[in-house]
């Protein structure tokens, strides 16, 4: 059975997709960008500020599905500039710091991201 996961604690989808989809014991979370769900605006500041908002949004989506960062098995990080890798990696490490097993991860630089943000992250979790 496929179930749509949705929460107002994370930004609404800006296209024809779900914030997350549960299929059995798997949770597939769409990429999150640094939109403040209360204002609908991109957070101001550098890539660190944007990454912090991205992970707040991921936490909210995971929570809506009854999960947390410890359930994440795979993360994909999309960067507008690979020079931002170290800064985003620091935020990433903080988000997963209490996890006994860190998720598998890919990080790629892309030409551009939605709304011209600097970072987007998607995750897959096991429930």
Protein backbone atom coordinates (compact mmCIF):
# COMPACT_ATOMS: atom_id res chain seq x y z
CA UNK A 1 0.00 0.00 0.00
CA UNK A 2 1.24 3.48 -0.87
CA UNK A 3 0.50 6.33 1.53
CA UNK A 4 1.10 10.06 1.06
CA UNK A 5 2.86 11.77 3.98
CA UNK A 6 2.16 15.46 4.41
CA UNK A 7 2.80 18.01 7.15
CA UNK A 8 2.35 21.76 7.51
CA UNK A 9 5.58 21.78 9.56
CA UNK A 10 7.51 21.48 6.27
CA UNK A 11 7.06 23.48 3.07
CA UNK A 12 4.22 22.44 0.81
CA UNK A 13 5.26 20.77 -2.42
CA UNK A 14 6.01 23.36 -5.12
CA UNK A 15 5.09 20.94 -7.90
CA UNK A 16 3.14 17.77 -8.62
CA UNK A 17 4.73 15.56 -5.95
CA UNK A 18 4.30 14.49 -2.31
CA UNK A 19 6.51 15.59 0.57
CA UNK A 20 7.04 11.89 1.20
CA UNK A 21 5.55 8.54 0.26
CA UNK A 22 5.40 5.49 2.52
CA UNK A 23 5.44 2.12 0.78
CA UNK A 24 5.40 -0.72 3.28
CA UNK A 25 8.26 -0.10 5.69
CA UNK A 26 10.05 2.31 3.35
CA UNK A 27 9.73 6.10 3.39
CA UNK A 28 10.82 8.08 0.33
CA UNK A 29 11.19 11.79 1.14
CA UNK A 30 11.23 14.30 -1.69
CA UNK A 31 14.11 16.74 -1.85
CA UNK A 32 13.83 19.57 0.63
CA UNK A 33 15.06 23.05 -0.12
CA UNK A 34 15.52 25.86 2.42
CA UNK A 35 11.98 27.19 2.46
CA UNK A 36 10.65 28.38 5.80
CA UNK A 37 7.25 26.63 6.04
CA UNK A 38 5.77 29.50 8.08
CA UNK A 39 6.56 32.22 5.53
CA UNK A 40 6.94 30.26 2.31
CA UNK A 41 10.17 32.16 1.68
CA UNK A 42 13.73 30.97 1.09
CA UNK A 43 15.77 31.52 4.26
CA UNK A 44 18.28 34.32 4.01
CA UNK A 45 21.96 33.78 4.60
CA UNK A 46 24.77 31.56 3.49
CA UNK A 47 24.77 27.88 2.59
CA UNK A 48 25.03 26.91 6.28
CA UNK A 49 21.80 28.78 7.07
CA UNK A 50 20.14 27.16 4.06
CA UNK A 51 21.35 23.67 5.03
CA UNK A 52 20.03 24.10 8.58
CA UNK A 53 16.57 24.90 7.20
CA UNK A 54 16.73 21.95 4.82
CA UNK A 55 17.37 19.57 7.71
CA UNK A 56 14.61 21.17 9.81
CA UNK A 57 12.27 20.46 6.93
CA UNK A 58 13.51 16.87 6.63
CA UNK A 59 13.03 16.37 10.37
CA UNK A 60 9.42 17.60 10.08
CA UNK A 61 8.63 15.23 7.20
CA UNK A 62 10.24 12.28 8.99
CA UNK A 63 8.29 13.12 12.15
CA UNK A 64 5.01 13.21 10.21
CA UNK A 65 5.71 9.60 9.25
CA UNK A 66 6.61 8.58 12.81
CA UNK A 67 10.33 8.50 12.09
CA UNK A 68 13.47 10.48 12.89
CA UNK A 69 17.03 10.80 11.63
CA UNK A 70 17.88 7.36 13.02
CA UNK A 71 15.55 5.79 10.46
CA UNK A 72 17.37 7.31 7.47
CA UNK A 73 19.29 4.77 5.39
CA UNK A 74 20.21 6.91 2.36
CA UNK A 75 20.68 10.63 1.75
CA UNK A 76 21.37 12.48 -1.45
CA UNK A 77 22.80 16.00 -1.21
CA UNK A 78 22.55 18.34 -4.19
CA UNK A 79 24.85 21.37 -4.14
CA UNK A 80 24.85 24.36 -6.44
CA UNK A 81 28.60 24.65 -5.80
CA UNK A 82 30.84 21.81 -4.61
CA UNK A 83 32.91 24.46 -2.79
CA UNK A 84 30.04 24.45 -0.25
CA UNK A 85 30.56 20.76 0.55
CA UNK A 86 32.45 21.30 3.83
CA UNK A 87 29.88 23.76 5.20
CA UNK A 88 26.94 21.51 4.32
CA UNK A 89 28.82 18.47 5.59
CA UNK A 90 29.12 20.15 9.01
CA UNK A 91 25.34 20.68 9.20
CA UNK A 92 24.76 17.14 7.92
CA UNK A 93 27.07 15.69 10.59
CA UNK A 94 25.22 17.61 13.33
CA UNK A 95 21.87 16.32 12.10
CA UNK A 96 23.01 12.70 12.25
CA UNK A 97 25.33 13.00 15.28
CA UNK A 98 23.23 10.73 17.54
CA UNK A 99 22.92 7.96 14.95
CA UNK A 100 24.79 4.74 15.67
CA UNK A 101 24.87 3.97 11.96
CA UNK A 102 25.18 6.85 9.53
CA UNK A 103 23.15 6.65 6.33
CA UNK A 104 24.73 5.93 2.99
CA UNK A 105 25.15 9.19 1.08
CA UNK A 106 25.81 10.73 -2.29
CA UNK A 107 26.70 14.38 -2.82
CA UNK A 108 26.66 15.95 -6.25
CA UNK A 109 27.05 19.42 -7.68
CA UNK A 110 24.32 20.45 -10.09
CA UNK A 111 23.96 23.35 -12.48
CA UNK A 112 20.97 24.82 -10.64
CA UNK A 113 18.33 23.99 -8.06
CA UNK A 114 14.68 25.04 -7.66
CA UNK A 115 14.25 28.70 -6.69
CA UNK A 116 18.02 29.14 -7.18
CA UNK A 117 18.83 27.76 -3.70
CA UNK A 118 22.30 26.53 -2.76
CA UNK A 119 21.37 23.08 -1.37
CA UNK A 120 18.70 20.40 -1.58
CA UNK A 121 18.61 17.08 0.27
CA UNK A 122 16.43 14.00 -0.17
CA UNK A 123 16.35 10.97 2.11
CA UNK A 124 15.07 7.41 2.22
CA UNK A 125 14.15 5.90 5.58
CA UNK A 126 13.08 2.54 6.96
CA UNK A 127 10.16 2.56 9.37
